[in-house]
Amino acid sequence: MNFAAGQQWAYAAPPEIPDSRIVIGAILEFGGGRVIACCTVTAALQSGAGGAAERIAIPFLPMSREALAQTVTQLDGTGVLPAAFADELESWSNDPRGVSYFTVPFEGSLERMIALQMASLVDKP
């Protein structure tokens, strides 16, 4: 898959958010061939009060190129980035701890993605 900033992608979104899309805001290349896609998600699910799922937007979501490729299903035109994306990208880029990113696919919930990422770290020898 050829990824580029501005592309909007469909993915296997949960039935509650069938219109959710991933928009690529930036593709960054680092040493060793590492490529990070900095994206936004137009709609995601988050646990709300009482455990009910709430619909939220995710303004900034960095993931490896491989994780993005495992996530998306088809190109769906171009998308618009939220105003917060640029500030989030700058903060992420200037983090004194170094840049962090996900290496697991996005399935419609940031909470689930964090759990999958943590599990993948535990499973590594």
Protein backbone atom coordinates (compact mmCIF):
# COMPACT_ATOMS: atom_id res chain seq x y z
CA MET A 1 0.00 0.00 0.00
CA ASN A 2 1.19 3.47 -0.82
CA PHE A 3 0.38 5.88 1.96
CA ALA A 4 0.44 9.68 1.69
CA ALA A 5 -0.58 12.64 3.80
CA GLY A 6 -4.18 13.68 3.16
CA GLN A 7 -5.47 10.22 2.32
CA GLN A 8 -8.63 9.03 4.05
CA TRP A 9 -8.99 5.31 4.64
CA ALA A 10 -11.83 3.01 5.66
CA TYR A 11 -11.09 0.25 8.14
CA ALA A 12 -13.02 -2.55 9.84
CA ALA A 13 -14.83 -0.15 12.16
CA PRO A 14 -17.24 -1.44 14.78
CA PRO A 15 -20.92 -1.42 13.73
CA GLU A 16 -21.60 1.53 16.05
CA ILE A 17 -19.31 3.80 13.99
CA PRO A 18 -19.50 2.61 10.37
CA ASP A 19 -18.65 6.10 9.10
CA SER A 20 -15.35 6.25 11.02
CA ARG A 21 -12.28 6.93 8.90
CA ILE A 22 -8.54 7.24 9.40
CA VAL A 23 -6.94 10.32 7.85
CA ILE A 24 -3.18 10.43 7.38
CA GLY A 25 -1.71 13.75 8.49
CA ALA A 26 1.99 13.00 8.02
CA ILE A 27 4.31 10.19 7.03
CA LEU A 28 7.67 10.39 8.80
CA GLU A 29 10.77 8.34 8.08
CA PHE A 30 13.33 7.60 10.77
CA GLY A 31 16.64 5.76 10.81
CA GLY A 32 16.70 2.07 10.15
CA GLY A 33 13.80 2.24 7.71
CA ARG A 34 11.21 2.96 10.41
CA VAL A 35 8.17 4.75 8.94
CA ILE A 36 5.54 6.29 11.22
CA ALA A 37 2.12 7.38 9.99
CA CYS A 38 0.66 10.19 12.09
CA CYS A 39 -3.08 9.95 11.70
CA THR A 40 -6.38 11.17 13.03
CA VAL A 41 -9.49 9.05 13.55
CA THR A 42 -12.83 10.70 12.80
CA ALA A 43 -14.77 8.50 15.23
CA ALA A 44 -13.79 5.94 17.83
CA LEU A 45 -15.43 4.23 20.77
CA GLN A 46 -14.51 5.01 24.36
CA SER A 47 -15.95 3.68 27.59
CA GLY A 48 -18.12 6.35 29.16
CA ALA A 49 -20.03 6.69 32.39
CA GLY A 50 -21.56 3.42 33.46
CA GLY A 51 -19.57 1.52 30.85
CA ALA A 52 -21.63 2.70 27.89
CA ALA A 53 -19.63 3.30 24.72
CA GLU A 54 -19.28 6.92 23.65
CA ARG A 55 -18.29 8.23 20.24
CA ILE A 56 -15.14 10.39 20.24
CA ALA A 57 -12.63 11.69 17.70
CA ILE A 58 -8.92 10.99 18.08
CA PRO A 59 -6.98 14.03 16.84
CA PHE A 60 -3.56 12.34 16.78
CA LEU A 61 -2.65 8.67 16.48
CA PRO A 62 0.92 7.67 15.55
CA MET A 63 1.40 4.13 14.28
CA SER A 64 3.96 2.17 12.37
CA ARG A 65 3.45 1.82 8.65
CA GLU A 66 2.91 -1.89 9.22
CA ALA A 67 0.20 -1.28 11.83
CA LEU A 68 -1.57 1.13 9.47
CA ALA A 69 -1.38 -1.43 6.65
CA GLN A 70 -2.94 -4.05 8.97
CA THR A 71 -5.70 -1.58 9.91
CA VAL A 72 -7.00 -0.07 6.71
CA THR A 73 -9.20 -1.78 4.14
CA GLN A 74 -9.64 0.70 1.30
CA LEU A 75 -8.74 4.21 0.27
CA ASP A 76 -11.74 6.52 0.67
CA GLY A 77 -10.64 9.80 -0.89
CA THR A 78 -9.06 12.64 1.01
CA GLY A 79 -9.81 13.81 4.51
CA VAL A 80 -9.64 16.90 6.67
CA LEU A 81 -7.40 17.05 9.72
CA PRO A 82 -8.72 18.58 12.94
CA ALA A 83 -7.19 21.85 14.10
CA ALA A 84 -5.54 20.06 17.04
CA PHE A 85 -3.50 17.76 14.76
CA ALA A 86 -0.63 20.22 14.14
CA ASP A 87 -0.16 21.00 17.84
CA GLU A 88 -0.31 17.31 18.75
CA LEU A 89 2.25 16.47 16.05
CA GLU A 90 4.60 19.15 17.35
CA SER A 91 4.25 18.00 20.97
CA TRP A 92 4.83 14.39 19.95
CA SER A 93 7.87 15.33 17.86
CA ASN A 94 9.42 17.30 20.72
CA ASP A 95 8.78 14.76 23.49
CA PRO A 96 12.05 14.52 25.44
CA ARG A 97 11.42 10.78 25.99
CA GLY A 98 11.44 10.22 22.23
CA VAL A 99 8.61 9.52 19.86
CA SER A 100 6.20 6.76 20.78
CA TYR A 101 3.89 4.97 18.40
CA PHE A 102 1.65 1.95 18.09
CA THR A 103 2.74 -1.23 16.33
CA VAL A 104 -0.66 -2.92 16.49
CA PRO A 105 -3.73 -2.31 14.30
CA PHE A 106 -6.51 0.10 15.23
CA GLU A 107 -9.91 -1.58 15.64
CA GLY A 108 -12.13 1.37 16.57
CA SER A 109 -11.13 1.90 20.20
CA LEU A 110 -8.02 3.55 21.60
CA GLU A 111 -8.51 1.61 24.83
CA ARG A 112 -8.41 -1.67 22.88
CA MET A 113 -5.37 -0.51 20.90
CA ILE A 114 -3.50 0.29 24.12
CA ALA A 115 -4.39 -3.16 25.51
CA LEU A 116 -3.18 -4.86 22.31
CA GLN A 117 0.05 -2.84 22.40
CA MET A 118 0.68 -3.75 26.03
CA ALA A 119 -0.01 -7.42 25.30
CA SER A 120 2.40 -7.35 22.37
CA LEU A 121 5.13 -5.96 24.62
CA VAL A 122 4.54 -8.62 27.26
CA ASP A 123 4.62 -11.40 24.64
CA LYS A 124 8.05 -10.37 23.30
CA PRO A 125 10.92 -12.62 24.46
